[in-house]
Amino acid sequence: MRAEERAVSRKGQEQVKLHSQTKLTMGSFKNTLIQITQHGMGAGDESLGLLLVSNYLKLLNEETHLPRVIVFYNAGVQLICSGSPVIEILQTLEQKGVRLMACKTCLNHFGLIDKMEVGLAGTMMDIIELQKVADKVVNL
């Protein structure tokens, strides 16, 4: 987004001018938990879903304020394993301090526990605790 399209309000929140000329006041991703529950983003065409999640993570990586945690469960755990098209982006996000956690039950279900390339395997209780302390939860 071009610099002239962003402005900061008195509350420290960004006001973003969208392409449709609508302005929205946006907070930061500080203390946000993002949950990825699918092998991709959205329902329908799988290759489109992978393209969408890849674009989302690339754009997220360019943000100044990153989410605190990204959790992966159900088919979403495939994104943190060998052969995933988003491994490099996730590695970069992790290096920038974003915690990545995958559901251990899900990894075992898909036979992927030994194929993790990034992040940590956690329990469902770990995910619940992260949800409880997050200011905001975003589901993809």
C-alpha atoms as a PDB file:
ATOM      1  CA  MET A   1       0.000   0.000   0.000  1.00  0.00           C
ATOM      2  CA  ARG A   2       1.351   3.411  -0.899  1.00  0.00           C
ATOM      3  CA  ALA A   3       2.323   5.785   1.928  1.00  0.00           C
ATOM      4  CA  GLU A   4      -0.326   8.307   0.904  1.00  0.00           C
ATOM      5  CA  GLU A   5      -2.992   5.651   1.460  1.00  0.00           C
ATOM      6  CA  ARG A   6      -2.121   5.200   5.145  1.00  0.00           C
ATOM      7  CA  ALA A   7      -2.672   7.591   7.992  1.00  0.00           C
ATOM      8  CA  VAL A   8      -2.436   7.076  11.740  1.00  0.00           C
ATOM      9  CA  SER A   9      -5.342   8.152  13.939  1.00  0.00           C
ATOM     10  CA  ARG A  10      -5.009   9.745  17.367  1.00  0.00           C
ATOM     11  CA  LYS A  11      -5.504   6.317  18.938  1.00  0.00           C
ATOM     12  CA  GLY A  12      -2.460   4.964  17.096  1.00  0.00           C
ATOM     13  CA  GLN A  13      -4.585   2.896  14.764  1.00  0.00           C
ATOM     14  CA  GLU A  14      -4.064   2.989  11.043  1.00  0.00           C
ATOM     15  CA  GLN A  15      -6.758   4.362   8.830  1.00  0.00           C
ATOM     16  CA  VAL A  16      -6.541   2.493   5.582  1.00  0.00           C
ATOM     17  CA  LYS A  17      -7.935   3.847   2.331  1.00  0.00           C
ATOM     18  CA  LEU A  18      -9.128   0.866   0.371  1.00  0.00           C
ATOM     19  CA  HIS A  19      -9.268   0.686  -3.398  1.00  0.00           C
ATOM     20  CA  SER A  20     -13.015   1.263  -3.145  1.00  0.00           C
ATOM     21  CA  GLN A  21     -12.287   4.659  -1.517  1.00  0.00           C
ATOM     22  CA  THR A  22     -13.709   3.423   1.807  1.00  0.00           C
ATOM     23  CA  LYS A  23     -11.720   4.150   4.950  1.00  0.00           C
ATOM     24  CA  LEU A  24     -11.477   1.665   7.777  1.00  0.00           C
ATOM     25  CA  THR A  25      -9.717   2.069  11.106  1.00  0.00           C
ATOM     26  CA  MET A  26      -7.430  -0.887  11.649  1.00  0.00           C
ATOM     27  CA  GLY A  27      -5.663  -1.999  14.793  1.00  0.00           C
ATOM     28  CA  SER A  28      -2.477  -3.989  14.757  1.00  0.00           C
ATOM     29  CA  PHE A  29      -1.963  -7.736  14.855  1.00  0.00           C
ATOM     30  CA  LYS A  30      -0.422  -7.385  18.334  1.00  0.00           C
ATOM     31  CA  ASN A  31      -1.523 -10.332  20.503  1.00  0.00           C
ATOM     32  CA  THR A  32      -3.517 -11.857  17.647  1.00  0.00           C
ATOM     33  CA  LEU A  33      -3.857 -15.589  17.138  1.00  0.00           C
ATOM     34  CA  ILE A  34      -4.353 -16.759  13.554  1.00  0.00           C
ATOM     35  CA  GLN A  35      -5.808 -20.226  13.099  1.00  0.00           C
ATOM     36  CA  ILE A  36      -5.258 -22.119   9.859  1.00  0.00           C
ATOM     37  CA  THR A  37      -7.491 -25.173   9.720  1.00  0.00           C
ATOM     38  CA  GLN A  38      -7.312 -26.149   6.054  1.00  0.00           C
ATOM     39  CA  HIS A  39      -4.677 -27.057   3.498  1.00  0.00           C
ATOM     40  CA  GLY A  40      -5.137 -23.679   1.880  1.00  0.00           C
ATOM     41  CA  MET A  41      -7.588 -20.851   2.397  1.00  0.00           C
ATOM     42  CA  GLY A  42     -11.314 -20.903   1.727  1.00  0.00           C
ATOM     43  CA  ALA A  43     -13.492 -23.721   0.452  1.00  0.00           C
ATOM     44  CA  GLY A  44     -13.494 -25.028  -3.087  1.00  0.00           C
ATOM     45  CA  ASP A  45     -10.598 -25.358  -5.496  1.00  0.00           C
ATOM     46  CA  GLU A  46      -7.507 -26.633  -3.630  1.00  0.00           C
ATOM     47  CA  SER A  47      -4.935 -24.984  -5.908  1.00  0.00           C
ATOM     48  CA  LEU A  48      -6.712 -21.643  -5.493  1.00  0.00           C
ATOM     49  CA  GLY A  49      -6.806 -22.168  -1.728  1.00  0.00           C
ATOM     50  CA  LEU A  50      -3.033 -22.742  -1.672  1.00  0.00           C
ATOM     51  CA  LEU A  51      -2.471 -19.646  -3.790  1.00  0.00           C
ATOM     52  CA  LEU A  52      -4.647 -17.585  -1.438  1.00  0.00           C
ATOM     53  CA  VAL A  53      -2.927 -18.764   1.748  1.00  0.00           C
ATOM     54  CA  SER A  54       0.467 -18.197   0.126  1.00  0.00           C
ATOM     55  CA  ASN A  55      -0.499 -14.638  -0.835  1.00  0.00           C
ATOM     56  CA  TYR A  56      -1.945 -14.002   2.624  1.00  0.00           C
ATOM     57  CA  LEU A  57       1.223 -15.156   4.391  1.00  0.00           C
ATOM     58  CA  LYS A  58       3.481 -13.195   2.004  1.00  0.00           C
ATOM     59  CA  LEU A  59       1.507 -10.011   2.645  1.00  0.00           C
ATOM     60  CA  LEU A  60       1.402 -10.717   6.371  1.00  0.00           C
ATOM     61  CA  ASN A  61       5.190 -11.061   6.318  1.00  0.00           C
ATOM     62  CA  GLU A  62       5.440  -7.508   4.950  1.00  0.00           C
ATOM     63  CA  GLU A  63       3.460  -6.031   7.852  1.00  0.00           C
ATOM     64  CA  THR A  64       5.186  -4.029  10.568  1.00  0.00           C
ATOM     65  CA  HIS A  65       3.096  -5.579  13.348  1.00  0.00           C
ATOM     66  CA  LEU A  66       2.896  -9.351  13.092  1.00  0.00           C
ATOM     67  CA  PRO A  67       0.530 -11.715  14.869  1.00  0.00           C
ATOM     68  CA  ARG A  68       1.792 -13.277  18.054  1.00  0.00           C
ATOM     69  CA  VAL A  69       0.881 -16.854  17.116  1.00  0.00           C
ATOM     70  CA  ILE A  70      -0.303 -18.907  14.145  1.00  0.00           C
ATOM     71  CA  VAL A  71      -1.786 -22.290  15.005  1.00  0.00           C
ATOM     72  CA  PHE A  72      -2.450 -25.070  12.531  1.00  0.00           C
ATOM     73  CA  TYR A  73      -4.914 -27.874  12.999  1.00  0.00           C
ATOM     74  CA  ASN A  74      -6.860 -30.393  10.952  1.00  0.00           C
ATOM     75  CA  ALA A  75      -5.579 -30.316   7.336  1.00  0.00           C
ATOM     76  CA  GLY A  76      -3.845 -26.986   8.055  1.00  0.00           C
ATOM     77  CA  VAL A  77      -0.937 -28.913   9.617  1.00  0.00           C
ATOM     78  CA  GLN A  78       0.119 -29.938   6.104  1.00  0.00           C
ATOM     79  CA  LEU A  79       1.318 -26.356   5.549  1.00  0.00           C
ATOM     80  CA  ILE A  80       4.154 -26.678   8.072  1.00  0.00           C
ATOM     81  CA  CYS A  81       5.479 -29.958   6.680  1.00  0.00           C
ATOM     82  CA  SER A  82       7.848 -31.068   3.923  1.00  0.00           C
ATOM     83  CA  GLY A  83       6.546 -30.243   0.465  1.00  0.00           C
ATOM     84  CA  SER A  84       4.426 -27.296   1.581  1.00  0.00           C
ATOM     85  CA  PRO A  85       4.489 -24.322  -0.804  1.00  0.00           C
ATOM     86  CA  VAL A  86       4.586 -21.892   2.153  1.00  0.00           C
ATOM     87  CA  ILE A  87       7.472 -23.321   4.217  1.00  0.00           C
ATOM     88  CA  GLU A  88       9.884 -20.487   3.401  1.00  0.00           C
ATOM     89  CA  ILE A  89       7.344 -17.798   4.292  1.00  0.00           C
ATOM     90  CA  LEU A  90       6.530 -19.560   7.561  1.00  0.00           C
ATOM     91  CA  GLN A  91      10.234 -19.898   8.392  1.00  0.00           C
ATOM     92  CA  THR A  92      10.656 -16.153   7.845  1.00  0.00           C
ATOM     93  CA  LEU A  93       7.662 -15.362  10.049  1.00  0.00           C
ATOM     94  CA  GLU A  94       9.040 -17.635  12.760  1.00  0.00           C
ATOM     95  CA  GLN A  95      12.441 -15.909  12.539  1.00  0.00           C
ATOM     96  CA  LYS A  96      10.628 -12.604  13.020  1.00  0.00           C
ATOM     97  CA  GLY A  97       9.159 -13.879  16.288  1.00  0.00           C
ATOM     98  CA  VAL A  98       5.785 -15.322  15.273  1.00  0.00           C
ATOM     99  CA  ARG A  99       5.140 -18.527  17.222  1.00  0.00           C
ATOM    100  CA  LEU A 100       3.939 -21.388  15.031  1.00  0.00           C
ATOM    101  CA  MET A 101       2.170 -24.323  16.636  1.00  0.00           C
ATOM    102  CA  ALA A 102       0.582 -27.394  15.085  1.00  0.00           C
ATOM    103  CA  CYS A 103      -1.891 -29.770  16.662  1.00  0.00           C
ATOM    104  CA  LYS A 104       0.016 -32.933  17.558  1.00  0.00           C
ATOM    105  CA  THR A 105      -3.114 -35.105  17.240  1.00  0.00           C
ATOM    106  CA  CYS A 106      -3.640 -33.773  13.710  1.00  0.00           C
ATOM    107  CA  LEU A 107       0.005 -34.339  12.750  1.00  0.00           C
ATOM    108  CA  ASN A 108      -0.250 -37.940  13.973  1.00  0.00           C
ATOM    109  CA  HIS A 109      -3.568 -38.455  12.177  1.00  0.00           C
ATOM    110  CA  PHE A 110      -2.045 -37.407   8.833  1.00  0.00           C
ATOM    111  CA  GLY A 111       1.253 -39.245   9.517  1.00  0.00           C
ATOM    112  CA  LEU A 112       3.185 -35.959   9.443  1.00  0.00           C
ATOM    113  CA  ILE A 113       4.735 -35.738  12.909  1.00  0.00           C
ATOM    114  CA  ASP A 114       8.214 -36.472  11.499  1.00  0.00           C
ATOM    115  CA  LYS A 115       7.782 -34.179   8.487  1.00  0.00           C
ATOM    116  CA  MET A 116       7.464 -30.872  10.343  1.00  0.00           C
ATOM    117  CA  GLU A 117       9.802 -28.250   8.887  1.00  0.00           C
ATOM    118  CA  VAL A 118       8.803 -25.308  11.058  1.00  0.00           C
ATOM    119  CA  GLY A 119       7.043 -24.621  14.343  1.00  0.00           C
ATOM    120  CA  LEU A 120       6.246 -26.789  17.341  1.00  0.00           C
ATOM    121  CA  ALA A 121       3.814 -29.627  17.911  1.00  0.00           C
ATOM    122  CA  GLY A 122       1.379 -28.783  20.694  1.00  0.00           C
ATOM    123  CA  THR A 123      -1.666 -30.246  22.330  1.00  0.00           C
ATOM    124  CA  MET A 124      -5.238 -29.072  21.978  1.00  0.00           C
ATOM    125  CA  MET A 125      -4.902 -27.714  25.523  1.00  0.00           C
ATOM    126  CA  ASP A 126      -1.972 -25.562  24.319  1.00  0.00           C
ATOM    127  CA  ILE A 127      -4.191 -24.188  21.545  1.00  0.00           C
ATOM    128  CA  ILE A 128      -7.014 -23.477  24.000  1.00  0.00           C
ATOM    129  CA  GLU A 129      -4.624 -21.600  26.301  1.00  0.00           C
ATOM    130  CA  LEU A 130      -3.368 -19.517  23.372  1.00  0.00           C
ATOM    131  CA  GLN A 131      -6.970 -18.720  22.398  1.00  0.00           C
ATOM    132  CA  LYS A 132      -7.784 -17.641  25.960  1.00  0.00           C
ATOM    133  CA  VAL A 133      -4.957 -15.108  26.176  1.00  0.00           C
ATOM    134  CA  ALA A 134      -5.286 -13.719  22.636  1.00  0.00           C
ATOM    135  CA  ASP A 135      -6.957 -10.343  22.223  1.00  0.00           C
ATOM    136  CA  LYS A 136      -8.215 -11.421  18.808  1.00  0.00           C
ATOM    137  CA  VAL A 137      -8.560 -14.744  16.974  1.00  0.00           C
ATOM    138  CA  VAL A 138      -8.585 -14.819  13.163  1.00  0.00           C
ATOM    139  CA  ASN A 139      -9.775 -18.008  11.453  1.00  0.00           C
ATOM    140  CA  LEU A 140      -8.601 -18.789   7.923  1.00  0.00           C
END
